[in-house]
Amino acid sequence: MIQRLLKARRIAVVGASDNEMRPAHYVAAYMLDHGYEIIPINPNHDMVFGRKCYATLADVPGEIDMVNVFRRPGFCAEVTREAIAAGAKGVWLQSGIINEEARCLAQVAGIDFIQDRCLMVEHRRRR
């Protein structure tokens, strides 16, 4: 499943940050540097990485391959519902983020789901 999600090319980053010291910035920047299309999702920003920042997943035009989540666990079930509604093929909760309801939602919807792992670390490990 990890390998399949790493093949995703268009990644919506929920909780994207313009603060270079935050994982929600440097993990996404790393993926951007490695050829992935990054779509920042954060209602508190207009732009991140010089790209339009969307308030919600529903606002994103076109397909979303994967949703990479940088939110507290209590928000992850709702983000997963939004990802499913947007037609995302998978959801990835970053290191330290675990939500069993979100996992169950993804399983029922038949989409890939990873939790408590860093996308950047897994990408480096499998390159």
N, C-alpha and C. Protein backbone atom coordinates (compact mmCIF):
# COMPACT_ATOMS: atom_id res chain seq x y z
N MET A 1 0.82 -1.20 0.00
CA MET A 1 0.00 0.00 0.00
C MET A 1 0.87 1.27 0.00
N ILE A 2 1.96 1.25 0.77
CA ILE A 2 2.85 2.42 0.80
C ILE A 2 3.41 2.66 -0.59
N GLN A 3 3.87 1.59 -1.23
CA GLN A 3 4.44 1.73 -2.57
C GLN A 3 3.43 2.30 -3.55
N ARG A 4 2.19 1.85 -3.45
CA ARG A 4 1.14 2.34 -4.33
C ARG A 4 0.90 3.84 -4.10
N LEU A 5 0.86 4.27 -2.85
CA LEU A 5 0.65 5.70 -2.56
C LEU A 5 1.85 6.55 -2.99
N LEU A 6 3.04 5.98 -2.92
CA LEU A 6 4.22 6.74 -3.36
C LEU A 6 4.21 6.97 -4.87
N LYS A 7 3.42 6.22 -5.59
CA LYS A 7 3.29 6.43 -7.04
C LYS A 7 2.30 7.54 -7.36
N ALA A 8 1.56 8.00 -6.36
CA ALA A 8 0.62 9.12 -6.56
C ALA A 8 1.41 10.34 -7.00
N ARG A 9 0.92 11.08 -7.95
CA ARG A 9 1.66 12.25 -8.45
C ARG A 9 1.06 13.57 -7.97
N ARG A 10 -0.22 13.58 -7.67
CA ARG A 10 -0.91 14.82 -7.29
C ARG A 10 -1.36 14.69 -5.83
N ILE A 11 -0.69 15.41 -4.95
CA ILE A 11 -0.89 15.26 -3.51
C ILE A 11 -1.46 16.55 -2.91
N ALA A 12 -2.63 16.43 -2.29
CA ALA A 12 -3.21 17.54 -1.55
C ALA A 12 -2.68 17.46 -0.12
N VAL A 13 -2.11 18.55 0.37
CA VAL A 13 -1.51 18.57 1.70
C VAL A 13 -2.42 19.37 2.63
N VAL A 14 -3.16 18.65 3.47
CA VAL A 14 -4.09 19.29 4.40
C VAL A 14 -3.31 19.75 5.63
N GLY A 15 -3.38 21.06 5.88
CA GLY A 15 -2.61 21.66 6.97
C GLY A 15 -1.28 22.21 6.49
N ALA A 16 -1.14 22.38 5.17
CA ALA A 16 0.10 22.92 4.59
C ALA A 16 0.47 24.22 5.30
N SER A 17 1.76 24.42 5.48
CA SER A 17 2.25 25.60 6.21
C SER A 17 3.26 26.37 5.38
N ASP A 18 3.29 27.69 5.58
CA ASP A 18 4.32 28.50 4.93
C ASP A 18 5.54 28.68 5.84
N ASN A 19 5.51 28.08 7.03
CA ASN A 19 6.62 28.14 7.98
C ASN A 19 7.60 27.01 7.67
N GLU A 20 8.78 27.35 7.18
CA GLU A 20 9.76 26.37 6.75
C GLU A 20 10.22 25.42 7.85
N MET A 21 10.00 25.76 9.10
CA MET A 21 10.42 24.92 10.22
C MET A 21 9.39 23.83 10.56
N ARG A 22 8.23 23.91 9.99
CA ARG A 22 7.16 22.94 10.31
C ARG A 22 7.20 21.76 9.33
N PRO A 23 6.96 20.55 9.83
CA PRO A 23 6.90 19.39 8.93
C PRO A 23 5.89 19.58 7.79
N ALA A 24 4.79 20.28 8.06
CA ALA A 24 3.78 20.51 7.03
C ALA A 24 4.31 21.38 5.90
N HIS A 25 5.47 21.95 6.08
CA HIS A 25 6.12 22.69 5.00
C HIS A 25 7.25 21.85 4.38
N TYR A 26 8.21 21.40 5.23
CA TYR A 26 9.39 20.79 4.63
C TYR A 26 9.14 19.39 4.05
N VAL A 27 8.17 18.66 4.56
CA VAL A 27 7.85 17.36 3.95
C VAL A 27 7.24 17.60 2.56
N ALA A 28 6.30 18.54 2.48
CA ALA A 28 5.68 18.86 1.19
C ALA A 28 6.71 19.45 0.22
N ALA A 29 7.60 20.29 0.73
CA ALA A 29 8.65 20.88 -0.13
C ALA A 29 9.56 19.78 -0.69
N TYR A 30 9.89 18.80 0.13
CA TYR A 30 10.70 17.67 -0.32
C TYR A 30 9.99 16.93 -1.45
N MET A 31 8.70 16.65 -1.28
CA MET A 31 7.95 15.94 -2.31
C MET A 31 7.87 16.78 -3.59
N LEU A 32 7.68 18.07 -3.45
CA LEU A 32 7.65 18.99 -4.59
C LEU A 32 8.99 18.93 -5.34
N ASP A 33 10.09 18.93 -4.58
CA ASP A 33 11.43 18.84 -5.18
C ASP A 33 11.67 17.52 -5.90
N HIS A 34 10.87 16.51 -5.58
CA HIS A 34 11.04 15.19 -6.20
C HIS A 34 9.96 14.91 -7.26
N GLY A 35 9.39 15.97 -7.79
CA GLY A 35 8.54 15.84 -8.96
C GLY A 35 7.06 15.64 -8.71
N TYR A 36 6.65 15.70 -7.46
CA TYR A 36 5.22 15.55 -7.15
C TYR A 36 4.52 16.90 -7.29
N GLU A 37 3.27 16.88 -7.68
CA GLU A 37 2.46 18.09 -7.70
C GLU A 37 1.83 18.24 -6.32
N ILE A 38 2.12 19.34 -5.67
CA ILE A 38 1.61 19.59 -4.32
C ILE A 38 0.51 20.64 -4.38
N ILE A 39 -0.62 20.31 -3.76
CA ILE A 39 -1.76 21.22 -3.67
C ILE A 39 -1.95 21.56 -2.20
N PRO A 40 -1.58 22.77 -1.79
CA PRO A 40 -1.74 23.13 -0.38
C PRO A 40 -3.21 23.36 0.00
N ILE A 41 -3.59 22.83 1.17
CA ILE A 41 -4.94 23.00 1.71
C ILE A 41 -4.80 23.61 3.10
N ASN A 42 -5.24 24.84 3.23
CA ASN A 42 -5.22 25.51 4.53
C ASN A 42 -6.02 26.80 4.41
N PRO A 43 -7.13 26.93 5.14
CA PRO A 43 -7.95 28.13 5.02
C PRO A 43 -7.29 29.39 5.56
N ASN A 44 -6.15 29.23 6.24
CA ASN A 44 -5.46 30.38 6.82
C ASN A 44 -4.40 31.00 5.92
N HIS A 45 -4.20 30.43 4.74
CA HIS A 45 -3.18 30.93 3.81
C HIS A 45 -3.78 31.13 2.42
N ASP A 46 -3.26 32.13 1.72
CA ASP A 46 -3.63 32.33 0.32
C ASP A 46 -2.69 31.57 -0.60
N MET A 47 -1.41 31.53 -0.22
CA MET A 47 -0.37 30.89 -1.04
C MET A 47 0.59 30.13 -0.13
N VAL A 48 1.03 28.97 -0.60
CA VAL A 48 2.11 28.20 0.03
C VAL A 48 2.91 27.62 -1.12
N PHE A 49 4.23 27.70 -1.05
CA PHE A 49 5.13 27.26 -2.13
C PHE A 49 4.88 28.04 -3.42
N GLY A 50 4.34 29.25 -3.31
CA GLY A 50 4.03 30.02 -4.49
C GLY A 50 2.84 29.48 -5.26
N ARG A 51 2.06 28.62 -4.62
CA ARG A 51 0.89 28.01 -5.23
C ARG A 51 -0.36 28.42 -4.48
N LYS A 52 -1.47 28.50 -5.20
CA LYS A 52 -2.74 28.82 -4.57
C LYS A 52 -3.04 27.80 -3.48
N CYS A 53 -3.44 28.29 -2.33
CA CYS A 53 -3.80 27.44 -1.21
C CYS A 53 -5.32 27.39 -1.13
N TYR A 54 -5.88 26.21 -1.13
CA TYR A 54 -7.33 26.03 -1.09
C TYR A 54 -7.79 25.86 0.35
N ALA A 55 -9.01 26.29 0.62
CA ALA A 55 -9.57 26.21 1.97
C ALA A 55 -9.97 24.77 2.33
N THR A 56 -10.48 24.03 1.35
CA THR A 56 -10.93 22.66 1.60
C THR A 56 -10.58 21.77 0.41
N LEU A 57 -10.64 20.48 0.61
CA LEU A 57 -10.42 19.54 -0.48
C LEU A 57 -11.48 19.68 -1.56
N ALA A 58 -12.69 20.02 -1.17
CA ALA A 58 -13.78 20.19 -2.13
C ALA A 58 -13.52 21.34 -3.10
N ASP A 59 -12.66 22.28 -2.72
CA ASP A 59 -12.35 23.43 -3.58
C ASP A 59 -11.32 23.13 -4.66
N VAL A 60 -10.64 22.00 -4.56
CA VAL A 60 -9.55 21.67 -5.47
C VAL A 60 -10.11 21.22 -6.83
N PRO A 61 -9.70 21.88 -7.91
CA PRO A 61 -10.13 21.43 -9.23
C PRO A 61 -9.35 20.18 -9.66
N GLY A 62 -9.99 19.30 -10.35
CA GLY A 62 -9.31 18.12 -10.87
C GLY A 62 -9.19 17.01 -9.84
N GLU A 63 -8.53 15.94 -10.27
CA GLU A 63 -8.37 14.76 -9.43
C GLU A 63 -7.31 14.94 -8.37
N ILE A 64 -7.49 14.24 -7.27
CA ILE A 64 -6.51 14.19 -6.19
C ILE A 64 -6.09 12.74 -6.05
N ASP A 65 -4.80 12.48 -6.18
CA ASP A 65 -4.32 11.10 -6.03
C ASP A 65 -4.24 10.70 -4.56
N MET A 66 -3.69 11.60 -3.74
CA MET A 66 -3.50 11.29 -2.32
C MET A 66 -3.69 12.55 -1.50
N VAL A 67 -4.19 12.36 -0.28
CA VAL A 67 -4.31 13.45 0.68
C VAL A 67 -3.32 13.17 1.80
N ASN A 68 -2.35 14.05 1.98
CA ASN A 68 -1.35 13.95 3.04
C ASN A 68 -1.80 14.88 4.16
N VAL A 69 -2.01 14.32 5.35
CA VAL A 69 -2.67 15.06 6.43
C VAL A 69 -1.70 15.46 7.54
N PHE A 70 -1.67 16.75 7.82
CA PHE A 70 -0.93 17.34 8.93
C PHE A 70 -1.92 18.04 9.85
N ARG A 71 -2.81 17.30 10.44
CA ARG A 71 -3.81 17.82 11.39
C ARG A 71 -3.81 16.93 12.62
N ARG A 72 -4.31 17.47 13.73
CA ARG A 72 -4.44 16.66 14.95
C ARG A 72 -5.39 15.49 14.69
N PRO A 73 -5.18 14.39 15.41
CA PRO A 73 -6.00 13.19 15.19
C PRO A 73 -7.50 13.42 15.21
N GLY A 74 -7.98 14.31 16.06
CA GLY A 74 -9.41 14.56 16.17
C GLY A 74 -10.05 15.11 14.90
N PHE A 75 -9.24 15.64 13.98
CA PHE A 75 -9.76 16.18 12.72
C PHE A 75 -9.68 15.17 11.57
N CYS A 76 -9.01 14.07 11.78
CA CYS A 76 -8.67 13.18 10.66
C CYS A 76 -9.84 12.41 10.08
N ALA A 77 -10.84 12.07 10.89
CA ALA A 77 -12.00 11.37 10.33
C ALA A 77 -12.72 12.29 9.35
N GLU A 78 -12.90 13.55 9.73
CA GLU A 78 -13.57 14.50 8.83
C GLU A 78 -12.74 14.73 7.57
N VAL A 79 -11.44 14.85 7.71
CA VAL A 79 -10.58 15.02 6.53
C VAL A 79 -10.70 13.80 5.63
N THR A 80 -10.76 12.62 6.21
CA THR A 80 -10.91 11.40 5.42
C THR A 80 -12.25 11.38 4.69
N ARG A 81 -13.31 11.81 5.36
CA ARG A 81 -14.61 11.92 4.68
C ARG A 81 -14.52 12.86 3.49
N GLU A 82 -13.86 13.99 3.69
CA GLU A 82 -13.70 14.97 2.61
C GLU A 82 -12.86 14.38 1.47
N ALA A 83 -11.82 13.64 1.82
CA ALA A 83 -10.97 13.01 0.80
C ALA A 83 -11.78 12.01 -0.03
N ILE A 84 -12.59 11.23 0.64
CA ILE A 84 -13.43 10.25 -0.05
C ILE A 84 -14.41 10.98 -0.98
N ALA A 85 -15.04 12.02 -0.47
CA ALA A 85 -16.01 12.80 -1.27
C ALA A 85 -15.33 13.45 -2.47
N ALA A 86 -14.07 13.83 -2.33
CA ALA A 86 -13.33 14.47 -3.42
C ALA A 86 -12.78 13.45 -4.42
N GLY A 87 -12.93 12.17 -4.11
CA GLY A 87 -12.46 11.13 -5.03
C GLY A 87 -11.00 10.78 -4.90
N ALA A 88 -10.37 11.14 -3.78
CA ALA A 88 -8.95 10.81 -3.56
C ALA A 88 -8.78 9.29 -3.53
N LYS A 89 -7.63 8.86 -4.02
CA LYS A 89 -7.35 7.42 -4.06
C LYS A 89 -6.72 6.91 -2.78
N GLY A 90 -6.25 7.85 -1.93
CA GLY A 90 -5.63 7.44 -0.67
C GLY A 90 -5.48 8.60 0.29
N VAL A 91 -5.30 8.23 1.57
CA VAL A 91 -5.09 9.19 2.65
C VAL A 91 -3.86 8.75 3.43
N TRP A 92 -3.00 9.72 3.73
CA TRP A 92 -1.77 9.43 4.47
C TRP A 92 -1.71 10.37 5.66
N LEU A 93 -1.78 9.80 6.89
CA LEU A 93 -1.62 10.59 8.11
C LEU A 93 -0.15 10.55 8.51
N GLN A 94 0.42 11.70 8.74
CA GLN A 94 1.84 11.82 9.03
C GLN A 94 2.22 11.17 10.37
N SER A 95 3.52 11.09 10.62
CA SER A 95 4.05 10.50 11.85
C SER A 95 3.39 11.11 13.08
N GLY A 96 3.01 10.25 14.01
CA GLY A 96 2.39 10.70 15.25
C GLY A 96 0.90 10.92 15.15
N ILE A 97 0.33 10.74 13.97
CA ILE A 97 -1.11 10.96 13.78
C ILE A 97 -1.78 9.61 13.54
N ILE A 98 -2.67 9.25 14.47
CA ILE A 98 -3.39 7.98 14.40
C ILE A 98 -4.87 8.26 14.64
N ASN A 99 -5.74 7.71 13.78
CA ASN A 99 -7.17 7.86 13.98
C ASN A 99 -7.85 6.63 13.40
N GLU A 100 -8.37 5.79 14.27
CA GLU A 100 -8.98 4.53 13.83
C GLU A 100 -10.28 4.75 13.06
N GLU A 101 -11.03 5.79 13.41
CA GLU A 101 -12.25 6.07 12.65
C GLU A 101 -11.90 6.41 11.21
N ALA A 102 -10.86 7.21 11.02
CA ALA A 102 -10.42 7.56 9.67
C ALA A 102 -9.99 6.30 8.91
N ARG A 103 -9.28 5.40 9.59
CA ARG A 103 -8.84 4.16 8.95
C ARG A 103 -10.05 3.34 8.50
N CYS A 104 -11.04 3.23 9.37
CA CYS A 104 -12.25 2.46 9.03
C CYS A 104 -13.01 3.10 7.87
N LEU A 105 -13.10 4.42 7.86
CA LEU A 105 -13.77 5.12 6.76
C LEU A 105 -13.08 4.82 5.43
N ALA A 106 -11.76 4.89 5.44
CA ALA A 106 -10.99 4.62 4.22
C ALA A 106 -11.18 3.17 3.77
N GLN A 107 -11.16 2.26 4.74
CA GLN A 107 -11.32 0.84 4.41
C GLN A 107 -12.68 0.59 3.78
N VAL A 108 -13.73 1.13 4.36
CA VAL A 108 -15.08 0.94 3.82
C VAL A 108 -15.19 1.55 2.41
N ALA A 109 -14.51 2.69 2.20
CA ALA A 109 -14.55 3.36 0.89
C ALA A 109 -13.64 2.68 -0.13
N GLY A 110 -12.78 1.78 0.35
CA GLY A 110 -11.90 1.06 -0.57
C GLY A 110 -10.71 1.87 -1.06
N ILE A 111 -10.28 2.85 -0.25
CA ILE A 111 -9.10 3.63 -0.64
C ILE A 111 -7.93 3.29 0.27
N ASP A 112 -6.73 3.52 -0.21
CA ASP A 112 -5.52 3.26 0.56
C ASP A 112 -5.45 4.20 1.76
N PHE A 113 -4.86 3.70 2.85
CA PHE A 113 -4.77 4.49 4.07
C PHE A 113 -3.50 4.12 4.82
N ILE A 114 -2.71 5.11 5.16
CA ILE A 114 -1.50 4.95 5.96
C ILE A 114 -1.61 5.92 7.12
N GLN A 115 -1.19 5.50 8.31
CA GLN A 115 -1.16 6.42 9.43
C GLN A 115 0.13 6.25 10.22
N ASP A 116 0.51 7.31 10.93
CA ASP A 116 1.69 7.31 11.79
C ASP A 116 2.98 6.98 11.05
N ARG A 117 3.10 7.50 9.83
CA ARG A 117 4.34 7.35 9.05
C ARG A 117 4.61 8.65 8.31
N CYS A 118 5.87 8.95 8.13
CA CYS A 118 6.26 10.17 7.42
C CYS A 118 6.43 9.87 5.93
N LEU A 119 5.71 10.61 5.12
CA LEU A 119 5.78 10.45 3.67
C LEU A 119 7.21 10.65 3.16
N MET A 120 7.89 11.65 3.65
CA MET A 120 9.25 11.94 3.22
C MET A 120 10.20 10.79 3.58
N VAL A 121 10.10 10.28 4.80
CA VAL A 121 10.95 9.18 5.24
C VAL A 121 10.70 7.94 4.39
N GLU A 122 9.44 7.63 4.14
CA GLU A 122 9.11 6.45 3.34
C GLU A 122 9.58 6.62 1.89
N HIS A 123 9.48 7.82 1.36
CA HIS A 123 9.96 8.09 0.00
C HIS A 123 11.47 7.87 -0.07
N ARG A 124 12.20 8.42 0.88
CA ARG A 124 13.66 8.26 0.93
C ARG A 124 14.04 6.78 1.04
N ARG A 125 13.34 6.07 1.88
CA ARG A 125 13.63 4.65 2.13
C ARG A 125 13.45 3.80 0.88
N ARG A 126 12.51 4.17 0.02
CA ARG A 126 12.17 3.34 -1.13
C ARG A 126 12.73 3.83 -2.46
N ARG A 127 13.49 4.91 -2.44
CA ARG A 127 14.05 5.45 -3.68
C ARG A 127 15.12 4.55 -4.25
